[in-house]
């Protein structure tokens, strides 16, 4: 599990570097402090999510994550069917 997360780092960092060349639309007026705060919160939440998945895997409770995935997929299917 740890190896797969470490293996994803080069792809994530490479994609981030490629995206830095093209700022999102409307980013001209966003203060740097607000962008930094958003990055910090996103990094912290992502780190906590990884810790939860690693703990669930170690404890053999990954089926709970599977239920979550099924629930989100079901909600997405219902939302997309209504379009």
PDB file of N, CA and C in Angstrom:
ATOM      1  N   UNK A   1       0.826  -1.185   0.000  1.00  0.00           N
ATOM      2  CA  UNK A   1       0.000   0.000   0.000  1.00  0.00           C
ATOM      3  C   UNK A   1       0.874   1.254   0.000  1.00  0.00           C
ATOM      4  N   UNK A   2       1.867   1.280   0.850  1.00  0.00           N
ATOM      5  CA  UNK A   2       2.760   2.433   0.911  1.00  0.00           C
ATOM      6  C   UNK A   2       3.495   2.640  -0.414  1.00  0.00           C
ATOM      7  N   UNK A   3       3.931   1.536  -1.008  1.00  0.00           N
ATOM      8  CA  UNK A   3       4.671   1.613  -2.266  1.00  0.00           C
ATOM      9  C   UNK A   3       3.812   2.228  -3.360  1.00  0.00           C
ATOM     10  N   UNK A   4       2.526   1.880  -3.402  1.00  0.00           N
ATOM     11  CA  UNK A   4       1.663   2.427  -4.451  1.00  0.00           C
ATOM     12  C   UNK A   4       1.479   3.930  -4.275  1.00  0.00           C
ATOM     13  N   UNK A   5       1.404   4.409  -3.030  1.00  0.00           N
ATOM     14  CA  UNK A   5       1.304   5.853  -2.816  1.00  0.00           C
ATOM     15  C   UNK A   5       2.599   6.544  -3.220  1.00  0.00           C
ATOM     16  N   UNK A   6       3.734   5.949  -2.866  1.00  0.00           N
ATOM     17  CA  UNK A   6       5.016   6.536  -3.248  1.00  0.00           C
ATOM     18  C   UNK A   6       5.193   6.516  -4.760  1.00  0.00           C
ATOM     19  N   UNK A   7       4.697   5.489  -5.398  1.00  0.00           N
ATOM     20  CA  UNK A   7       4.811   5.370  -6.840  1.00  0.00           C
ATOM     21  C   UNK A   7       3.989   6.444  -7.559  1.00  0.00           C
ATOM     22  N   UNK A   8       2.941   6.918  -6.932  1.00  0.00           N
ATOM     23  CA  UNK A   8       2.102   7.937  -7.567  1.00  0.00           C
ATOM     24  C   UNK A   8       2.706   9.340  -7.464  1.00  0.00           C
ATOM     25  N   UNK A   9       3.651   9.550  -6.572  1.00  0.00           N
ATOM     26  CA  UNK A   9       4.206  10.890  -6.380  1.00  0.00           C
ATOM     27  C   UNK A   9       4.834  11.491  -7.641  1.00  0.00           C
ATOM     28  N   UNK A  10       5.669  10.770  -8.387  1.00  0.00           N
ATOM     29  CA  UNK A  10       6.224  11.395  -9.597  1.00  0.00           C
ATOM     30  C   UNK A  10       5.145  11.819 -10.599  1.00  0.00           C
ATOM     31  N   UNK A  11       4.114  11.021 -10.754  1.00  0.00           N
ATOM     32  CA  UNK A  11       3.038  11.380 -11.687  1.00  0.00           C
ATOM     33  C   UNK A  11       2.289  12.617 -11.202  1.00  0.00           C
ATOM     34  N   UNK A  12       2.007  12.677  -9.922  1.00  0.00           N
ATOM     35  CA  UNK A  12       1.288  13.833  -9.369  1.00  0.00           C
ATOM     36  C   UNK A  12       2.128  15.098  -9.480  1.00  0.00           C
ATOM     37  N   UNK A  13       3.407  14.997  -9.104  1.00  0.00           N
ATOM     38  CA  UNK A  13       4.282  16.169  -9.177  1.00  0.00           C
ATOM     39  C   UNK A  13       4.497  16.610 -10.628  1.00  0.00           C
ATOM     40  N   UNK A  14       4.646  15.659 -11.530  1.00  0.00           N
ATOM     41  CA  UNK A  14       4.798  16.006 -12.945  1.00  0.00           C
ATOM     42  C   UNK A  14       3.565  16.708 -13.490  1.00  0.00           C
ATOM     43  N   UNK A  15       2.390  16.210 -13.137  1.00  0.00           N
ATOM     44  CA  UNK A  15       1.151  16.849 -13.591  1.00  0.00           C
ATOM     45  C   UNK A  15       1.017  18.249 -13.001  1.00  0.00           C
ATOM     46  N   UNK A  16       1.407  18.405 -11.746  1.00  0.00           N
ATOM     47  CA  UNK A  16       1.342  19.732 -11.113  1.00  0.00           C
ATOM     48  C   UNK A  16       2.271  20.709 -11.816  1.00  0.00           C
ATOM     49  N   UNK A  17       3.479  20.258 -12.148  1.00  0.00           N
ATOM     50  CA  UNK A  17       4.416  21.136 -12.855  1.00  0.00           C
ATOM     51  C   UNK A  17       3.887  21.525 -14.229  1.00  0.00           C
ATOM     52  N   UNK A  18       3.270  20.586 -14.929  1.00  0.00           N
ATOM     53  CA  UNK A  18       2.705  20.913 -16.234  1.00  0.00           C
ATOM     54  C   UNK A  18       1.544  21.904 -16.114  1.00  0.00           C
ATOM     55  N   UNK A  19       0.752  21.770 -15.064  1.00  0.00           N
ATOM     56  CA  UNK A  19      -0.391  22.664 -14.885  1.00  0.00           C
ATOM     57  C   UNK A  19       0.024  24.062 -14.445  1.00  0.00           C
ATOM     58  N   UNK A  20       1.189  24.191 -13.829  1.00  0.00           N
ATOM     59  CA  UNK A  20       1.645  25.511 -13.395  1.00  0.00           C
ATOM     60  C   UNK A  20       1.912  26.433 -14.585  1.00  0.00           C
ATOM     61  N   UNK A  21       2.150  25.856 -15.751  1.00  0.00           N
ATOM     62  CA  UNK A  21       2.377  26.675 -16.942  1.00  0.00           C
ATOM     63  C   UNK A  21       1.108  27.394 -17.383  1.00  0.00           C
ATOM     64  N   UNK A  22      -0.045  26.833 -17.056  1.00  0.00           N
ATOM     65  CA  UNK A  22      -1.327  27.398 -17.487  1.00  0.00           C
ATOM     66  C   UNK A  22      -2.178  27.713 -16.263  1.00  0.00           C
ATOM     67  N   UNK A  23      -2.148  28.950 -15.759  1.00  0.00           N
ATOM     68  CA  UNK A  23      -2.985  29.260 -14.593  1.00  0.00           C
ATOM     69  C   UNK A  23      -4.467  29.159 -14.954  1.00  0.00           C
ATOM     70  N   UNK A  24      -5.299  28.756 -14.004  1.00  0.00           N
ATOM     71  CA  UNK A  24      -6.730  28.627 -14.294  1.00  0.00           C
ATOM     72  C   UNK A  24      -7.356  29.977 -14.619  1.00  0.00           C
ATOM     73  N   UNK A  25      -8.465  29.922 -15.321  1.00  0.00           N
ATOM     74  CA  UNK A  25      -9.173  31.145 -15.683  1.00  0.00           C
ATOM     75  C   UNK A  25      -9.614  31.879 -14.428  1.00  0.00           C
ATOM     76  N   UNK A  26      -9.395  33.163 -14.399  1.00  0.00           N
ATOM     77  CA  UNK A  26      -9.800  33.969 -13.253  1.00  0.00           C
ATOM     78  C   UNK A  26      -8.787  33.978 -12.134  1.00  0.00           C
ATOM     79  N   UNK A  27      -7.626  33.388 -12.325  1.00  0.00           N
ATOM     80  CA  UNK A  27      -6.627  33.317 -11.252  1.00  0.00           C
ATOM     81  C   UNK A  27      -5.862  34.622 -11.104  1.00  0.00           C
ATOM     82  N   UNK A  28      -6.080  35.573 -11.998  1.00  0.00           N
ATOM     83  CA  UNK A  28      -5.329  36.830 -11.946  1.00  0.00           C
ATOM     84  C   UNK A  28      -5.592  37.611 -10.668  1.00  0.00           C
ATOM     85  N   UNK A  29      -6.823  37.552 -10.154  1.00  0.00           N
ATOM     86  CA  UNK A  29      -7.163  38.353  -8.987  1.00  0.00           C
ATOM     87  C   UNK A  29      -7.065  37.613  -7.668  1.00  0.00           C
ATOM     88  N   UNK A  30      -6.612  36.380  -7.664  1.00  0.00           N
ATOM     89  CA  UNK A  30      -6.543  35.594  -6.428  1.00  0.00           C
ATOM     90  C   UNK A  30      -5.237  35.903  -5.709  1.00  0.00           C
ATOM     91  N   UNK A  31      -5.328  36.372  -4.460  1.00  0.00           N
ATOM     92  CA  UNK A  31      -4.109  36.677  -3.714  1.00  0.00           C
ATOM     93  C   UNK A  31      -3.279  35.417  -3.457  1.00  0.00           C
ATOM     94  N   UNK A  32      -1.969  35.588  -3.417  1.00  0.00           N
ATOM     95  CA  UNK A  32      -1.052  34.471  -3.207  1.00  0.00           C
ATOM     96  C   UNK A  32      -1.297  33.817  -1.850  1.00  0.00           C
ATOM     97  N   UNK A  33      -1.622  34.603  -0.830  1.00  0.00           N
ATOM     98  CA  UNK A  33      -1.870  34.041   0.504  1.00  0.00           C
ATOM     99  C   UNK A  33      -3.080  33.110   0.487  1.00  0.00           C
ATOM    100  N   UNK A  34      -4.110  33.472  -0.250  1.00  0.00           N
ATOM    101  CA  UNK A  34      -5.306  32.633  -0.345  1.00  0.00           C
ATOM    102  C   UNK A  34      -4.995  31.335  -1.091  1.00  0.00           C
ATOM    103  N   UNK A  35      -4.189  31.425  -2.131  1.00  0.00           N
ATOM    104  CA  UNK A  35      -3.781  30.232  -2.870  1.00  0.00           C
ATOM    105  C   UNK A  35      -2.943  29.318  -1.984  1.00  0.00           C
ATOM    106  N   UNK A  36      -2.016  29.902  -1.217  1.00  0.00           N
ATOM    107  CA  UNK A  36      -1.170  29.115  -0.310  1.00  0.00           C
ATOM    108  C   UNK A  36      -2.006  28.442   0.772  1.00  0.00           C
ATOM    109  N   UNK A  37      -3.003  29.155   1.294  1.00  0.00           N
ATOM    110  CA  UNK A  37      -3.877  28.573   2.319  1.00  0.00           C
ATOM    111  C   UNK A  37      -4.684  27.412   1.734  1.00  0.00           C
ATOM    112  N   UNK A  38      -5.179  27.577   0.538  1.00  0.00           N
ATOM    113  CA  UNK A  38      -5.917  26.496  -0.116  1.00  0.00           C
ATOM    114  C   UNK A  38      -5.040  25.277  -0.353  1.00  0.00           C
ATOM    115  N   UNK A  39      -3.796  25.507  -0.759  1.00  0.00           N
ATOM    116  CA  UNK A  39      -2.854  24.404  -0.955  1.00  0.00           C
ATOM    117  C   UNK A  39      -2.590  23.681   0.356  1.00  0.00           C
ATOM    118  N   UNK A  40      -2.387  24.448   1.432  1.00  0.00           N
ATOM    119  CA  UNK A  40      -2.085  23.841   2.735  1.00  0.00           C
ATOM    120  C   UNK A  40      -3.254  22.993   3.236  1.00  0.00           C
ATOM    121  N   UNK A  41      -4.468  23.496   3.107  1.00  0.00           N
ATOM    122  CA  UNK A  41      -5.641  22.737   3.552  1.00  0.00           C
ATOM    123  C   UNK A  41      -5.815  21.478   2.714  1.00  0.00           C
ATOM    124  N   UNK A  42      -5.642  21.610   1.404  1.00  0.00           N
ATOM    125  CA  UNK A  42      -5.762  20.451   0.526  1.00  0.00           C
ATOM    126  C   UNK A  42      -4.712  19.393   0.840  1.00  0.00           C
ATOM    127  N   UNK A  43      -3.483  19.822   1.089  1.00  0.00           N
ATOM    128  CA  UNK A  43      -2.407  18.888   1.420  1.00  0.00           C
ATOM    129  C   UNK A  43      -2.703  18.171   2.744  1.00  0.00           C
ATOM    130  N   UNK A  44      -3.198  18.909   3.740  1.00  0.00           N
ATOM    131  CA  UNK A  44      -3.500  18.306   5.041  1.00  0.00           C
ATOM    132  C   UNK A  44      -4.634  17.288   4.933  1.00  0.00           C
ATOM    133  N   UNK A  45      -5.696  17.636   4.229  1.00  0.00           N
ATOM    134  CA  UNK A  45      -6.824  16.715   4.070  1.00  0.00           C
ATOM    135  C   UNK A  45      -6.406  15.483   3.272  1.00  0.00           C
ATOM    136  N   UNK A  46      -5.610  15.673   2.240  1.00  0.00           N
ATOM    137  CA  UNK A  46      -5.111  14.536   1.466  1.00  0.00           C
ATOM    138  C   UNK A  46      -4.256  13.612   2.309  1.00  0.00           C
ATOM    139  N   UNK A  47      -3.394  14.191   3.129  1.00  0.00           N
ATOM    140  CA  UNK A  47      -2.544  13.388   4.015  1.00  0.00           C
ATOM    141  C   UNK A  47      -3.389  12.587   5.006  1.00  0.00           C
ATOM    142  N   UNK A  48      -4.394  13.226   5.591  1.00  0.00           N
ATOM    143  CA  UNK A  48      -5.283  12.515   6.523  1.00  0.00           C
ATOM    144  C   UNK A  48      -6.053  11.395   5.825  1.00  0.00           C
ATOM    145  N   UNK A  49      -6.486  11.641   4.593  1.00  0.00           N
ATOM    146  CA  UNK A  49      -7.197  10.599   3.844  1.00  0.00           C
ATOM    147  C   UNK A  49      -6.293   9.400   3.601  1.00  0.00           C
ATOM    148  N   UNK A  50      -5.044   9.665   3.252  1.00  0.00           N
ATOM    149  CA  UNK A  50      -4.098   8.565   3.040  1.00  0.00           C
ATOM    150  C   UNK A  50      -3.877   7.796   4.334  1.00  0.00           C
ATOM    151  N   UNK A  51      -3.768   8.506   5.461  1.00  0.00           N
ATOM    152  CA  UNK A  51      -3.602   7.822   6.752  1.00  0.00           C
ATOM    153  C   UNK A  51      -4.789   6.913   7.056  1.00  0.00           C
ATOM    154  N   UNK A  52      -6.006   7.388   6.774  1.00  0.00           N
ATOM    155  CA  UNK A  52      -7.195   6.561   7.017  1.00  0.00           C
ATOM    156  C   UNK A  52      -7.177   5.303   6.154  1.00  0.00           C
ATOM    157  N   UNK A  53      -6.844   5.458   4.879  1.00  0.00           N
ATOM    158  CA  UNK A  53      -6.829   4.294   3.988  1.00  0.00           C
ATOM    159  C   UNK A  53      -5.751   3.303   4.419  1.00  0.00           C
ATOM    160  N   UNK A  54      -4.582   3.807   4.803  1.00  0.00           N
ATOM    161  CA  UNK A  54      -3.519   2.918   5.285  1.00  0.00           C
ATOM    162  C   UNK A  54      -3.948   2.184   6.557  1.00  0.00           C
ATOM    163  N   UNK A  55      -4.608   2.879   7.464  1.00  0.00           N
ATOM    164  CA  UNK A  55      -5.071   2.238   8.701  1.00  0.00           C
ATOM    165  C   UNK A  55      -6.135   1.187   8.407  1.00  0.00           C
ATOM    166  N   UNK A  56      -7.067   1.522   7.530  1.00  0.00           N
ATOM    167  CA  UNK A  56      -8.103   0.549   7.166  1.00  0.00           C
ATOM    168  C   UNK A  56      -7.493  -0.684   6.532  1.00  0.00           C
ATOM    169  N   UNK A  57      -6.464  -0.474   5.705  1.00  0.00           N
ATOM    170  CA  UNK A  57      -5.814  -1.611   5.052  1.00  0.00           C
ATOM    171  C   UNK A  57      -5.117  -2.496   6.076  1.00  0.00           C
ATOM    172  N   UNK A  58      -4.395  -1.882   7.000  1.00  0.00           N
ATOM    173  CA  UNK A  58      -3.688  -2.652   8.026  1.00  0.00           C
ATOM    174  C   UNK A  58      -4.649  -3.444   8.904  1.00  0.00           C
ATOM    175  N   UNK A  59      -5.797  -2.861   9.191  1.00  0.00           N
ATOM    176  CA  UNK A  59      -6.774  -3.503  10.072  1.00  0.00           C
ATOM    177  C   UNK A  59      -7.718  -4.439   9.326  1.00  0.00           C
ATOM    178  N   UNK A  60      -7.563  -4.538   8.013  1.00  0.00           N
ATOM    179  CA  UNK A  60      -8.419  -5.423   7.222  1.00  0.00           C
ATOM    180  C   UNK A  60      -9.834  -4.904   7.054  1.00  0.00           C
ATOM    181  N   UNK A  61      -9.996  -3.588   7.130  1.00  0.00           N
ATOM    182  CA  UNK A  61     -11.333  -2.995   7.010  1.00  0.00           C
ATOM    183  C   UNK A  61     -11.491  -2.192   5.733  1.00  0.00           C
ATOM    184  N   UNK A  62     -10.826  -2.596   4.677  1.00  0.00           N
ATOM    185  CA  UNK A  62     -10.911  -1.853   3.433  1.00  0.00           C
ATOM    186  C   UNK A  62     -12.296  -1.955   2.801  1.00  0.00           C
ATOM    187  N   UNK A  63     -13.087  -2.921   3.236  1.00  0.00           N
ATOM    188  CA  UNK A  63     -14.446  -3.068   2.714  1.00  0.00           C
ATOM    189  C   UNK A  63     -15.272  -1.814   3.006  1.00  0.00           C
ATOM    190  N   UNK A  64     -14.936  -1.078   4.082  1.00  0.00           N
ATOM    191  CA  UNK A  64     -15.666   0.165   4.380  1.00  0.00           C
ATOM    192  C   UNK A  64     -15.423   1.200   3.290  1.00  0.00           C
ATOM    193  N   UNK A  65     -14.197   1.263   2.813  1.00  0.00           N
ATOM    194  CA  UNK A  65     -13.888   2.168   1.714  1.00  0.00           C
ATOM    195  C   UNK A  65     -14.633   1.727   0.451  1.00  0.00           C
ATOM    196  N   UNK A  66     -14.768   0.416   0.270  1.00  0.00           N
ATOM    197  CA  UNK A  66     -15.521  -0.109  -0.862  1.00  0.00           C
ATOM    198  C   UNK A  66     -16.983   0.320  -0.818  1.00  0.00           C
ATOM    199  N   UNK A  67     -17.575   0.288   0.367  1.00  0.00           N
ATOM    200  CA  UNK A  67     -18.962   0.756   0.518  1.00  0.00           C
ATOM    201  C   UNK A  67     -19.083   2.232   0.161  1.00  0.00           C
ATOM    202  N   UNK A  68     -18.109   3.004   0.606  1.00  0.00           N
ATOM    203  CA  UNK A  68     -18.100   4.436   0.286  1.00  0.00           C
ATOM    204  C   UNK A  68     -18.038   4.628  -1.225  1.00  0.00           C
ATOM    205  N   UNK A  69     -17.174   3.874  -1.906  1.00  0.00           N
ATOM    206  CA  UNK A  69     -17.041   3.994  -3.361  1.00  0.00           C
ATOM    207  C   UNK A  69     -18.352   3.636  -4.060  1.00  0.00           C
ATOM    208  N   UNK A  70     -19.008   2.577  -3.603  1.00  0.00           N
ATOM    209  CA  UNK A  70     -20.293   2.197  -4.185  1.00  0.00           C
ATOM    210  C   UNK A  70     -21.343   3.294  -3.970  1.00  0.00           C
ATOM    211  N   UNK A  71     -21.355   3.880  -2.781  1.00  0.00           N
ATOM    212  CA  UNK A  71     -22.335   4.937  -2.488  1.00  0.00           C
ATOM    213  C   UNK A  71     -22.104   6.154  -3.379  1.00  0.00           C
ATOM    214  N   UNK A  72     -20.864   6.568  -3.526  1.00  0.00           N
ATOM    215  CA  UNK A  72     -20.560   7.727  -4.381  1.00  0.00           C
ATOM    216  C   UNK A  72     -20.891   7.418  -5.836  1.00  0.00           C
ATOM    217  N   UNK A  73     -20.576   6.212  -6.286  1.00  0.00           N
ATOM    218  CA  UNK A  73     -20.896   5.824  -7.669  1.00  0.00           C
ATOM    219  C   UNK A  73     -22.410   5.828  -7.887  1.00  0.00           C
ATOM    220  N   UNK A  74     -23.171   5.338  -6.904  1.00  0.00           N
ATOM    221  CA  UNK A  74     -24.621   5.343  -7.022  1.00  0.00           C
ATOM    222  C   UNK A  74     -25.188   6.743  -7.088  1.00  0.00           C
ATOM    223  N   UNK A  75     -24.677   7.629  -6.232  1.00  0.00           N
ATOM    224  CA  UNK A  75     -25.128   9.018  -6.257  1.00  0.00           C
ATOM    225  C   UNK A  75     -24.774   9.697  -7.582  1.00  0.00           C
ATOM    226  N   UNK A  76     -23.592   9.417  -8.097  1.00  0.00           N
ATOM    227  CA  UNK A  76     -23.195  10.000  -9.375  1.00  0.00           C
ATOM    228  C   UNK A  76     -24.078   9.473 -10.504  1.00  0.00           C
ATOM    229  N   UNK A  77     -24.405   8.199 -10.465  1.00  0.00           N
ATOM    230  CA  UNK A  77     -25.261   7.624 -11.506  1.00  0.00           C
ATOM    231  C   UNK A  77     -26.656   8.255 -11.471  1.00  0.00           C
ATOM    232  N   UNK A  78     -27.187   8.448 -10.257  1.00  0.00           N
ATOM    233  CA  UNK A  78     -28.508   9.078 -10.136  1.00  0.00           C
ATOM    234  C   UNK A  78     -28.463  10.513 -10.622  1.00  0.00           C
ATOM    235  N   UNK A  79     -27.395  11.232 -10.255  1.00  0.00           N
ATOM    236  CA  UNK A  79     -27.275  12.631 -10.662  1.00  0.00           C
ATOM    237  C   UNK A  79     -27.133  12.745 -12.181  1.00  0.00           C
ATOM    238  N   UNK A  80     -26.361  11.853 -12.774  1.00  0.00           N
ATOM    239  CA  UNK A  80     -26.162  11.908 -14.222  1.00  0.00           C
ATOM    240  C   UNK A  80     -27.378  11.424 -14.993  1.00  0.00           C
ATOM    241  N   UNK A  81     -28.157  10.519 -14.407  1.00  0.00           N
ATOM    242  CA  UNK A  81     -29.354  10.023 -15.086  1.00  0.00           C
ATOM    243  C   UNK A  81     -30.418  11.121 -15.170  1.00  0.00           C
ATOM    244  N   UNK A  82     -30.405  12.043 -14.234  1.00  0.00           N
ATOM    245  CA  UNK A  82     -31.394  13.110 -14.212  1.00  0.00           C
ATOM    246  C   UNK A  82     -31.108  14.226 -15.198  1.00  0.00           C
ATOM    247  N   UNK A  83     -29.996  14.178 -15.872  1.00  0.00           N
ATOM    248  CA  UNK A  83     -29.628  15.255 -16.813  1.00  0.00           C
ATOM    249  C   UNK A  83     -30.360  15.141 -18.095  1.00  0.00           C
TER     250      UNK A  83
END
